Amino acid sequence: MTRIYPGRPWAVAAFVAVAFGLPAFAAEPTPPGATSCSGCHAAGSAFGPLAGVPAERTEAALAAFRSGERPSTLMGRIAKGFDENQSRAIAQWWAGQEAGK
């Protein structure tokens, strides 16, 4: 059997990654709960978009809602559904999203 790239399996892998989109292989999965935020926090929404907001800011807001330090009618209940690690993952995911989308 003749191999296309004898001794260089990495070359085939690199070609496939570039040809078919490296970002698809590198993309991190969406953390549970993150996409539900878009119902109120999409681009142009009254509550302000989350896409592109620094993760530290979103994470701090979620912590403040969860502790009751930041008053709310709904966000406190939502934030209590996530622990610190989940909130961090959600905040980091939203920070990595393109603003305005």
C-alpha atoms as a PDB file:
ATOM      1  CA  MET A   1       0.000   0.000   0.000  1.00  0.00           C
ATOM      2  CA  THR A   2       1.377   3.413  -0.966  1.00  0.00           C
ATOM      3  CA  ARG A   3       0.967   6.235   1.511  1.00  0.00           C
ATOM      4  CA  ILE A   4       0.504   9.782   0.314  1.00  0.00           C
ATOM      5  CA  TYR A   5       2.829  11.257   2.936  1.00  0.00           C
ATOM      6  CA  PRO A   6       5.014   8.412   4.224  1.00  0.00           C
ATOM      7  CA  GLY A   7       6.276   9.147   7.701  1.00  0.00           C
ATOM      8  CA  ARG A   8       4.393  12.456   7.926  1.00  0.00           C
ATOM      9  CA  PRO A   9       0.906  11.829   9.330  1.00  0.00           C
ATOM     10  CA  TRP A  10       1.051  15.311  10.867  1.00  0.00           C
ATOM     11  CA  ALA A  11       1.140  16.801   7.359  1.00  0.00           C
ATOM     12  CA  VAL A  12      -2.180  15.187   6.497  1.00  0.00           C
ATOM     13  CA  ALA A  13      -3.674  16.317   9.808  1.00  0.00           C
ATOM     14  CA  ALA A  14      -2.456  19.871   9.231  1.00  0.00           C
ATOM     15  CA  PHE A  15      -3.880  19.917   5.717  1.00  0.00           C
ATOM     16  CA  VAL A  16      -7.273  18.669   6.925  1.00  0.00           C
ATOM     17  CA  ALA A  17      -7.331  21.221   9.764  1.00  0.00           C
ATOM     18  CA  VAL A  18      -6.575  24.126   7.425  1.00  0.00           C
ATOM     19  CA  ALA A  19      -8.759  22.929   4.563  1.00  0.00           C
ATOM     20  CA  PHE A  20     -11.812  22.258   6.675  1.00  0.00           C
ATOM     21  CA  GLY A  21     -11.507  25.012   9.245  1.00  0.00           C
ATOM     22  CA  LEU A  22      -9.167  24.934  12.196  1.00  0.00           C
ATOM     23  CA  PRO A  23     -11.558  26.979  14.375  1.00  0.00           C
ATOM     24  CA  ALA A  24     -14.060  24.134  14.233  1.00  0.00           C
ATOM     25  CA  PHE A  25     -11.512  21.889  15.923  1.00  0.00           C
ATOM     26  CA  ALA A  26     -10.440  24.510  18.453  1.00  0.00           C
ATOM     27  CA  ALA A  27     -13.872  25.859  19.399  1.00  0.00           C
ATOM     28  CA  GLU A  28     -14.824  25.333  22.996  1.00  0.00           C
ATOM     29  CA  PRO A  29     -18.252  23.925  23.705  1.00  0.00           C
ATOM     30  CA  THR A  30     -20.943  26.287  24.910  1.00  0.00           C
ATOM     31  CA  PRO A  31     -21.280  25.958  28.691  1.00  0.00           C
ATOM     32  CA  PRO A  32     -24.686  24.868  29.975  1.00  0.00           C
ATOM     33  CA  GLY A  33     -26.982  27.846  30.480  1.00  0.00           C
ATOM     34  CA  ALA A  34     -24.975  30.319  28.400  1.00  0.00           C
ATOM     35  CA  THR A  35     -27.259  30.468  25.388  1.00  0.00           C
ATOM     36  CA  SER A  36     -30.362  31.101  27.500  1.00  0.00           C
ATOM     37  CA  CYS A  37     -28.924  34.547  28.326  1.00  0.00           C
ATOM     38  CA  SER A  38     -29.497  35.678  24.751  1.00  0.00           C
ATOM     39  CA  GLY A  39     -33.234  35.868  25.370  1.00  0.00           C
ATOM     40  CA  CYS A  40     -32.696  39.113  27.280  1.00  0.00           C
ATOM     41  CA  HIS A  41     -29.097  40.026  26.431  1.00  0.00           C
ATOM     42  CA  ALA A  42     -28.933  39.871  22.632  1.00  0.00           C
ATOM     43  CA  ALA A  43     -27.558  42.727  20.535  1.00  0.00           C
ATOM     44  CA  GLY A  44     -29.973  45.658  20.663  1.00  0.00           C
ATOM     45  CA  SER A  45     -31.815  44.379  23.720  1.00  0.00           C
ATOM     46  CA  ALA A  46     -33.016  46.652  26.492  1.00  0.00           C
ATOM     47  CA  PHE A  47     -30.813  44.868  29.041  1.00  0.00           C
ATOM     48  CA  GLY A  48     -27.626  45.175  27.006  1.00  0.00           C
ATOM     49  CA  PRO A  49     -25.743  42.532  25.090  1.00  0.00           C
ATOM     50  CA  LEU A  50     -23.276  40.179  26.806  1.00  0.00           C
ATOM     51  CA  ALA A  51     -21.233  39.370  23.692  1.00  0.00           C
ATOM     52  CA  GLY A  52     -17.762  40.848  23.986  1.00  0.00           C
ATOM     53  CA  VAL A  53     -18.225  42.074  27.572  1.00  0.00           C
ATOM     54  CA  PRO A  54     -15.083  41.323  29.628  1.00  0.00           C
ATOM     55  CA  ALA A  55     -15.509  38.057  31.517  1.00  0.00           C
ATOM     56  CA  GLU A  56     -14.536  39.648  34.830  1.00  0.00           C
ATOM     57  CA  ARG A  57     -17.390  42.132  34.561  1.00  0.00           C
ATOM     58  CA  THR A  58     -20.023  39.487  33.787  1.00  0.00           C
ATOM     59  CA  GLU A  59     -18.672  37.143  36.447  1.00  0.00           C
ATOM     60  CA  ALA A  60     -18.741  39.917  39.069  1.00  0.00           C
ATOM     61  CA  ALA A  61     -22.310  40.826  38.109  1.00  0.00           C
ATOM     62  CA  LEU A  62     -23.437  37.209  38.427  1.00  0.00           C
ATOM     63  CA  ALA A  63     -21.772  36.953  41.855  1.00  0.00           C
ATOM     64  CA  ALA A  64     -23.456  40.182  42.989  1.00  0.00           C
ATOM     65  CA  PHE A  65     -26.851  38.950  41.781  1.00  0.00           C
ATOM     66  CA  ARG A  66     -26.293  35.549  43.434  1.00  0.00           C
ATOM     67  CA  SER A  67     -25.387  37.093  46.818  1.00  0.00           C
ATOM     68  CA  GLY A  68     -28.209  39.652  46.724  1.00  0.00           C
ATOM     69  CA  GLU A  69     -25.711  42.536  46.751  1.00  0.00           C
ATOM     70  CA  ARG A  70     -27.142  43.664  43.410  1.00  0.00           C
ATOM     71  CA  PRO A  71     -30.949  43.919  43.590  1.00  0.00           C
ATOM     72  CA  SER A  72     -32.994  42.360  40.820  1.00  0.00           C
ATOM     73  CA  THR A  73     -36.348  40.862  40.050  1.00  0.00           C
ATOM     74  CA  LEU A  74     -35.122  37.928  37.967  1.00  0.00           C
ATOM     75  CA  MET A  75     -31.321  37.801  37.701  1.00  0.00           C
ATOM     76  CA  GLY A  76     -30.819  36.884  41.366  1.00  0.00           C
ATOM     77  CA  ARG A  77     -32.888  33.747  40.889  1.00  0.00           C
ATOM     78  CA  ILE A  78     -31.099  32.899  37.649  1.00  0.00           C
ATOM     79  CA  ALA A  79     -27.612  33.507  39.087  1.00  0.00           C
ATOM     80  CA  LYS A  80     -28.315  31.291  42.100  1.00  0.00           C
ATOM     81  CA  GLY A  81     -28.711  28.414  39.644  1.00  0.00           C
ATOM     82  CA  PHE A  82     -24.991  28.560  38.793  1.00  0.00           C
ATOM     83  CA  ASP A  83     -21.983  28.083  41.044  1.00  0.00           C
ATOM     84  CA  GLU A  84     -18.813  30.179  40.724  1.00  0.00           C
ATOM     85  CA  ASN A  85     -17.172  27.839  38.210  1.00  0.00           C
ATOM     86  CA  GLN A  86     -20.268  27.692  36.017  1.00  0.00           C
ATOM     87  CA  SER A  87     -20.623  31.485  36.169  1.00  0.00           C
ATOM     88  CA  ARG A  88     -16.955  31.868  35.186  1.00  0.00           C
ATOM     89  CA  ALA A  89     -17.404  29.511  32.223  1.00  0.00           C
ATOM     90  CA  ILE A  90     -20.502  31.377  31.054  1.00  0.00           C
ATOM     91  CA  ALA A  91     -18.788  34.774  31.455  1.00  0.00           C
ATOM     92  CA  GLN A  92     -15.701  33.608  29.547  1.00  0.00           C
ATOM     93  CA  TRP A  93     -17.816  32.148  26.753  1.00  0.00           C
ATOM     94  CA  TRP A  94     -19.797  35.375  26.337  1.00  0.00           C
ATOM     95  CA  ALA A  95     -16.595  37.453  26.443  1.00  0.00           C
ATOM     96  CA  GLY A  96     -15.329  35.415  23.500  1.00  0.00           C
ATOM     97  CA  GLN A  97     -18.429  36.021  21.390  1.00  0.00           C
ATOM     98  CA  GLU A  98     -18.352  38.682  18.709  1.00  0.00           C
ATOM     99  CA  ALA A  99     -20.090  41.852  19.864  1.00  0.00           C
ATOM    100  CA  GLY A 100     -23.056  42.965  17.792  1.00  0.00           C
ATOM    101  CA  LYS A 101     -24.167  39.459  16.839  1.00  0.00           C
END
